[in-house]
PDB file of all heavy atoms in Angstrom:
ATOM      1  N   VAL A   1     114.218  90.031  93.051  1.00  0.00           N
ATOM      2  CA  VAL A   1     114.354  89.286  94.305  1.00  0.00           C
ATOM      3  C   VAL A   1     113.368  89.845  95.334  1.00  0.00           C
ATOM      4  O   VAL A   1     113.274  91.064  95.524  1.00  0.00           O
ATOM      5  CB  VAL A   1     115.790  89.383  94.859  1.00  0.00           C
ATOM      6  CG1 VAL A   1     115.891  88.684  96.218  1.00  0.00           C
ATOM      7  CG2 VAL A   1     116.770  88.771  93.875  1.00  0.00           C
ATOM      8  N   PHE A   2     112.657  88.936  95.995  1.00  0.00           N
ATOM      9  CA  PHE A   2     111.728  89.323  97.055  1.00  0.00           C
ATOM     10  C   PHE A   2     112.387  89.119  98.413  1.00  0.00           C
ATOM     11  O   PHE A   2     113.028  88.092  98.665  1.00  0.00           O
ATOM     12  CB  PHE A   2     110.452  88.474  96.993  1.00  0.00           C
ATOM     13  CG  PHE A   2     109.550  88.818  95.846  1.00  0.00           C
ATOM     14  CD1 PHE A   2     109.690  88.167  94.626  1.00  0.00           C
ATOM     15  CD2 PHE A   2     108.575  89.788  95.979  1.00  0.00           C
ATOM     16  CE1 PHE A   2     108.871  88.483  93.559  1.00  0.00           C
ATOM     17  CE2 PHE A   2     107.744  90.113  94.921  1.00  0.00           C
ATOM     18  CZ  PHE A   2     107.894  89.467  93.702  1.00  0.00           C
ATOM     19  N   ARG A   3     112.215  90.096  99.301  1.00  0.00           N
ATOM     20  CA  ARG A   3     112.717  90.007 100.666  1.00  0.00           C
ATOM     21  C   ARG A   3     111.611  90.454 101.618  1.00  0.00           C
ATOM     22  O   ARG A   3     110.849  91.378 101.317  1.00  0.00           O
ATOM     23  CB  ARG A   3     113.930  90.924 100.867  1.00  0.00           C
ATOM     24  CG  ARG A   3     115.164  90.508 100.060  1.00  0.00           C
ATOM     25  CD  ARG A   3     115.920  89.395 100.776  1.00  0.00           C
ATOM     26  NE  ARG A   3     117.139  89.067 100.063  1.00  0.00           N
ATOM     27  CZ  ARG A   3     117.256  88.091  99.175  1.00  0.00           C
ATOM     28  NH1 ARG A   3     116.195  87.325  98.891  1.00  0.00           N
ATOM     29  NH2 ARG A   3     118.396  87.849  98.574  1.00  0.00           N
ATOM     30  N   ILE A   4     111.534  89.792 102.767  1.00  0.00           N
ATOM     31  CA  ILE A   4     110.588  90.241 103.791  1.00  0.00           C
ATOM     32  C   ILE A   4     111.401  90.817 104.944  1.00  0.00           C
ATOM     33  O   ILE A   4     112.285  90.160 105.505  1.00  0.00           O
ATOM     34  CB  ILE A   4     109.652  89.104 104.255  1.00  0.00           C
ATOM     35  CG1 ILE A   4     108.608  89.651 105.242  1.00  0.00           C
ATOM     36  CG2 ILE A   4     110.410  87.924 104.852  1.00  0.00           C
ATOM     37  CD1 ILE A   4     107.420  88.750 105.438  1.00  0.00           C
ATOM     38  N   GLU A   5     111.141  92.066 105.280  1.00  0.00           N
ATOM     39  CA  GLU A   5     111.962  92.799 106.235  1.00  0.00           C
ATOM     40  C   GLU A   5     111.525  92.550 107.678  1.00  0.00           C
ATOM     41  O   GLU A   5     110.350  92.361 107.969  1.00  0.00           O
ATOM     42  CB  GLU A   5     111.882  94.297 105.937  1.00  0.00           C
ATOM     43  CG  GLU A   5     112.424  94.680 104.563  1.00  0.00           C
ATOM     44  CD  GLU A   5     112.291  96.166 104.297  1.00  0.00           C
ATOM     45  OE1 GLU A   5     111.582  96.845 105.058  1.00  0.00           O
ATOM     46  OE2 GLU A   5     112.922  96.635 103.338  1.00  0.00           O
ATOM     47  N   LYS A   6     112.497  92.568 108.571  1.00  0.00           N
ATOM     48  CA  LYS A   6     112.264  92.523 110.024  1.00  0.00           C
ATOM     49  C   LYS A   6     111.345  91.387 110.444  1.00  0.00           C
ATOM     50  O   LYS A   6     110.515  91.555 111.339  1.00  0.00           O
ATOM     51  CB  LYS A   6     111.679  93.864 110.502  1.00  0.00           C
ATOM     52  CG  LYS A   6     112.555  95.064 110.204  1.00  0.00           C
ATOM     53  CD  LYS A   6     111.893  96.348 110.672  1.00  0.00           C
ATOM     54  CE  LYS A   6     112.735  97.561 110.339  1.00  0.00           C
ATOM     55  NZ  LYS A   6     112.078  98.832 110.735  1.00  0.00           N
ATOM     56  N   TYR A   7     111.474  90.238 109.813  1.00  0.00           N
ATOM     57  CA  TYR A   7     110.558  89.136 110.109  1.00  0.00           C
ATOM     58  C   TYR A   7     111.132  88.214 111.176  1.00  0.00           C
ATOM     59  O   TYR A   7     112.257  87.738 111.051  1.00  0.00           O
ATOM     60  CB  TYR A   7     110.265  88.324 108.849  1.00  0.00           C
ATOM     61  CG  TYR A   7     109.263  87.214 109.099  1.00  0.00           C
ATOM     62  CD1 TYR A   7     107.898  87.475 109.074  1.00  0.00           C
ATOM     63  CD2 TYR A   7     109.691  85.926 109.401  1.00  0.00           C
ATOM     64  CE1 TYR A   7     106.980  86.475 109.329  1.00  0.00           C
ATOM     65  CE2 TYR A   7     108.773  84.920 109.657  1.00  0.00           C
ATOM     66  CZ  TYR A   7     107.428  85.196 109.625  1.00  0.00           C
ATOM     67  OH  TYR A   7     106.515  84.207 109.890  1.00  0.00           O
ATOM     68  N   GLN A   8     110.356  87.963 112.235  1.00  0.00           N
ATOM     69  CA  GLN A   8     110.732  86.993 113.265  1.00  0.00           C
ATOM     70  C   GLN A   8     109.684  85.878 113.368  1.00  0.00           C
ATOM     71  O   GLN A   8     110.011  84.712 113.370  1.00  0.00           O
ATOM     72  CB  GLN A   8     110.901  87.690 114.616  1.00  0.00           C
ATOM     73  CG  GLN A   8     112.083  88.657 114.635  1.00  0.00           C
ATOM     74  CD  GLN A   8     112.243  89.331 115.969  1.00  0.00           C
ATOM     75  OE1 GLN A   8     111.898  88.779 117.010  1.00  0.00           O
ATOM     76  NE2 GLN A   8     112.790  90.545 115.960  1.00  0.00           N
ATOM     77  N   ASN A   9     108.415  86.282 113.465  1.00  0.00           N
ATOM     78  CA  ASN A   9     107.324  85.317 113.402  1.00  0.00           C
ATOM     79  C   ASN A   9     106.073  86.056 112.949  1.00  0.00           C
ATOM     80  O   ASN A   9     106.015  87.286 112.978  1.00  0.00           O
ATOM     81  CB  ASN A   9     107.097  84.601 114.746  1.00  0.00           C
ATOM     82  CG  ASN A   9     106.680  85.564 115.840  1.00  0.00           C
ATOM     83  OD1 ASN A   9     105.603  86.149 115.807  1.00  0.00           O
ATOM     84  ND2 ASN A   9     107.562  85.731 116.834  1.00  0.00           N
ATOM     85  N   ILE A  10     105.075  85.311 112.512  1.00  0.00           N
ATOM     86  CA  ILE A  10     103.925  85.936 111.859  1.00  0.00           C
ATOM     87  C   ILE A  10     103.128  86.820 112.806  1.00  0.00           C
ATOM     88  O   ILE A  10     102.675  87.905 112.434  1.00  0.00           O
ATOM     89  CB  ILE A  10     103.008  84.863 111.212  1.00  0.00           C
ATOM     90  CG1 ILE A  10     101.979  85.516 110.284  1.00  0.00           C
ATOM     91  CG2 ILE A  10     102.337  83.995 112.261  1.00  0.00           C
ATOM     92  CD1 ILE A  10     102.553  86.173 109.056  1.00  0.00           C
ATOM     93  N   ASN A  11     102.941  86.393 114.070  1.00  0.00           N
ATOM     94  CA  ASN A  11     102.141  87.197 114.985  1.00  0.00           C
ATOM     95  C   ASN A  11     102.834  88.497 115.365  1.00  0.00           C
ATOM     96  O   ASN A  11     102.188  89.539 115.489  1.00  0.00           O
ATOM     97  CB  ASN A  11     101.777  86.389 116.232  1.00  0.00           C
ATOM     98  CG  ASN A  11     100.517  85.581 116.024  1.00  0.00           C
ATOM     99  OD1 ASN A  11      99.528  86.077 115.498  1.00  0.00           O
ATOM    100  ND2 ASN A  11     100.564  84.318 116.403  1.00  0.00           N
ATOM    101  N   LYS A  12     104.154  88.438 115.554  1.00  0.00           N
ATOM    102  CA  LYS A  12     104.875  89.689 115.835  1.00  0.00           C
ATOM    103  C   LYS A  12     104.780  90.627 114.633  1.00  0.00           C
ATOM    104  O   LYS A  12     104.593  91.837 114.790  1.00  0.00           O
ATOM    105  CB  LYS A  12     106.335  89.413 116.179  1.00  0.00           C
ATOM    106  CG  LYS A  12     107.098  90.702 116.533  1.00  0.00           C
ATOM    107  CD  LYS A  12     108.525  90.437 116.921  1.00  0.00           C
ATOM    108  CE  LYS A  12     109.200  91.733 117.375  1.00  0.00           C
ATOM    109  NZ  LYS A  12     109.128  92.817 116.378  1.00  0.00           N
ATOM    110  N   MET A  13     104.902  90.076 113.428  1.00  0.00           N
ATOM    111  CA  MET A  13     104.800  90.904 112.231  1.00  0.00           C
ATOM    112  C   MET A  13     103.424  91.569 112.144  1.00  0.00           C
ATOM    113  O   MET A  13     103.314  92.767 111.845  1.00  0.00           O
ATOM    114  CB  MET A  13     105.045  90.072 110.973  1.00  0.00           C
ATOM    115  CG  MET A  13     105.003  90.898 109.690  1.00  0.00           C
ATOM    116  SD  MET A  13     105.215  89.917 108.185  1.00  0.00           S
ATOM    117  CE  MET A  13     103.560  89.260 107.988  1.00  0.00           C
ATOM    118  N   LEU A  14     102.371  90.807 112.431  1.00  0.00           N
ATOM    119  CA  LEU A  14     101.026  91.362 112.346  1.00  0.00           C
ATOM    120  C   LEU A  14     100.773  92.396 113.438  1.00  0.00           C
ATOM    121  O   LEU A  14     100.074  93.390 113.216  1.00  0.00           O
ATOM    122  CB  LEU A  14      99.988  90.238 112.419  1.00  0.00           C
ATOM    123  CG  LEU A  14     100.006  89.254 111.243  1.00  0.00           C
ATOM    124  CD1 LEU A  14      98.987  88.135 111.469  1.00  0.00           C
ATOM    125  CD2 LEU A  14      99.736  89.963 109.926  1.00  0.00           C
ATOM    126  N   ASN A  15     101.335  92.178 114.614  1.00  0.00           N
ATOM    127  CA  ASN A  15     101.212  93.176 115.682  1.00  0.00           C
ATOM    128  C   ASN A  15     101.981  94.449 115.326  1.00  0.00           C
ATOM    129  O   ASN A  15     101.488  95.571 115.517  1.00  0.00           O
ATOM    130  CB  ASN A  15     101.730  92.614 117.004  1.00  0.00           C
ATOM    131  CG  ASN A  15     100.814  91.562 117.586  1.00  0.00           C
ATOM    132  OD1 ASN A  15      99.685  91.396 117.130  1.00  0.00           O
ATOM    133  ND2 ASN A  15     101.293  90.848 118.577  1.00  0.00           N
ATOM    134  N   ASP A  16     103.199  94.272 114.802  1.00  0.00           N
ATOM    135  CA  ASP A  16     103.992  95.432 114.386  1.00  0.00           C
ATOM    136  C   ASP A  16     103.249  96.225 113.308  1.00  0.00           C
ATOM    137  O   ASP A  16     103.197  97.457 113.356  1.00  0.00           O
ATOM    138  CB  ASP A  16     105.349  94.977 113.830  1.00  0.00           C
ATOM    139  CG  ASP A  16     106.278  94.457 114.919  1.00  0.00           C
ATOM    140  OD1 ASP A  16     106.003  94.707 116.099  1.00  0.00           O
ATOM    141  OD2 ASP A  16     107.270  93.790 114.569  1.00  0.00           O
ATOM    142  N   PHE A  17     102.697  95.501 112.354  1.00  0.00           N
ATOM    143  CA  PHE A  17     101.979  96.177 111.271  1.00  0.00           C
ATOM    144  C   PHE A  17     100.734  96.888 111.802  1.00  0.00           C
ATOM    145  O   PHE A  17     100.431  98.022 111.404  1.00  0.00           O
ATOM    146  CB  PHE A  17     101.578  95.181 110.180  1.00  0.00           C
ATOM    147  CG  PHE A  17     100.743  95.799 109.092  1.00  0.00           C
ATOM    148  CD1 PHE A  17     101.291  96.703 108.201  1.00  0.00           C
ATOM    149  CD2 PHE A  17      99.388  95.496 108.990  1.00  0.00           C
ATOM    150  CE1 PHE A  17     100.508  97.297 107.208  1.00  0.00           C
ATOM    151  CE2 PHE A  17      98.605  96.075 108.012  1.00  0.00           C
ATOM    152  CZ  PHE A  17      99.164  96.981 107.119  1.00  0.00           C
ATOM    153  N   SER A  18     100.001  96.234 112.700  1.00  0.00           N
ATOM    154  CA  SER A  18      98.799  96.848 113.278  1.00  0.00           C
ATOM    155  C   SER A  18      99.143  98.128 114.013  1.00  0.00           C
ATOM    156  O   SER A  18      98.407  99.114 113.955  1.00  0.00           O
ATOM    157  CB  SER A  18      98.098  95.865 114.224  1.00  0.00           C
ATOM    158  OG  SER A  18      97.652  94.730 113.530  1.00  0.00           O
ATOM    159  N   GLU A  19     100.286  98.100 114.708  1.00  0.00           N
ATOM    160  CA  GLU A  19     100.747  99.306 115.417  1.00  0.00           C
ATOM    161  C   GLU A  19     101.030 100.425 114.418  1.00  0.00           C
ATOM    162  O   GLU A  19     100.644 101.586 114.638  1.00  0.00           O
ATOM    163  CB  GLU A  19     102.012  98.971 116.209  1.00  0.00           C
ATOM    164  CG  GLU A  19     102.445 100.038 117.189  1.00  0.00           C
ATOM    165  CD  GLU A  19     101.640 100.040 118.468  1.00  0.00           C
ATOM    166  OE1 GLU A  19     101.165  98.970 118.877  1.00  0.00           O
ATOM    167  OE2 GLU A  19     101.490 101.128 119.040  1.00  0.00           O
ATOM    168  N   GLU A  20     101.694 100.082 113.313  1.00  0.00           N
ATOM    169  CA  GLU A  20     101.978 101.080 112.281  1.00  0.00           C
ATOM    170  C   GLU A  20     100.692 101.581 111.637  1.00  0.00           C
ATOM    171  O   GLU A  20     100.555 102.772 111.335  1.00  0.00           O
ATOM    172  CB  GLU A  20     102.894 100.473 111.212  1.00  0.00           C
ATOM    173  CG  GLU A  20     104.307 100.176 111.675  1.00  0.00           C
ATOM    174  CD  GLU A  20     105.049 101.427 112.103  1.00  0.00           C
ATOM    175  OE1 GLU A  20     104.906 102.462 111.425  1.00  0.00           O
ATOM    176  OE2 GLU A  20     105.771 101.372 113.115  1.00  0.00           O
ATOM    177  N   ALA A  21      99.735 100.660 111.409  1.00  0.00           N
ATOM    178  CA  ALA A  21      98.494 101.018 110.721  1.00  0.00           C
ATOM    179  C   ALA A  21      97.663 102.034 111.500  1.00  0.00           C
ATOM    180  O   ALA A  21      96.873 102.776 110.916  1.00  0.00           O
ATOM    181  CB  ALA A  21      97.656  99.764 110.451  1.00  0.00           C
ATOM    182  N   MET A  22      97.852 102.080 112.815  1.00  0.00           N
ATOM    183  CA  MET A  22      97.128 103.064 113.617  1.00  0.00           C
ATOM    184  C   MET A  22      97.539 104.491 113.261  1.00  0.00           C
ATOM    185  O   MET A  22      96.809 105.435 113.538  1.00  0.00           O
ATOM    186  CB  MET A  22      97.357 102.807 115.110  1.00  0.00           C
ATOM    187  CG  MET A  22      96.793 101.484 115.599  1.00  0.00           C
ATOM    188  SD  MET A  22      96.879 101.301 117.386  1.00  0.00           S
ATOM    189  CE  MET A  22      95.512 102.328 117.920  1.00  0.00           C
ATOM    190  N   LYS A  23      98.717 104.645 112.623  1.00  0.00           N
ATOM    191  CA  LYS A  23      99.209 105.976 112.250  1.00  0.00           C
ATOM    192  C   LYS A  23      98.914 106.308 110.787  1.00  0.00           C
ATOM    193  O   LYS A  23      99.251 107.394 110.324  1.00  0.00           O
ATOM    194  CB  LYS A  23     100.726 106.051 112.468  1.00  0.00           C
ATOM    195  CG  LYS A  23     101.187 105.610 113.856  1.00  0.00           C
ATOM    196  CD  LYS A  23     102.710 105.453 113.873  1.00  0.00           C
ATOM    197  CE  LYS A  23     103.169 104.689 115.104  1.00  0.00           C
ATOM    198  NZ  LYS A  23     104.600 104.337 115.020  1.00  0.00           N
ATOM    199  N   PHE A  24      98.313 105.362 110.036  1.00  0.00           N
ATOM    200  CA  PHE A  24      98.090 105.588 108.612  1.00  0.00           C
ATOM    201  C   PHE A  24      97.156 106.763 108.375  1.00  0.00           C
ATOM    202  O   PHE A  24      96.108 106.878 109.024  1.00  0.00           O
ATOM    203  CB  PHE A  24      97.486 104.349 107.954  1.00  0.00           C
ATOM    204  CG  PHE A  24      98.476 103.233 107.709  1.00  0.00           C
ATOM    205  CD1 PHE A  24      99.810 103.353 108.069  1.00  0.00           C
ATOM    206  CD2 PHE A  24      98.069 102.049 107.102  1.00  0.00           C
ATOM    207  CE1 PHE A  24     100.719 102.326 107.847  1.00  0.00           C
ATOM    208  CE2 PHE A  24      98.963 101.016 106.870  1.00  0.00           C
ATOM    209  CZ  PHE A  24     100.284 101.157 107.245  1.00  0.00           C
TER     210      PHE A  24
END
């Protein structure tokens, strides 16, 4: 089963991910 976590809309997801990626 596939699940996408903490999803509200695509732009918020991409912003959240970009914020996380700054710490990679």
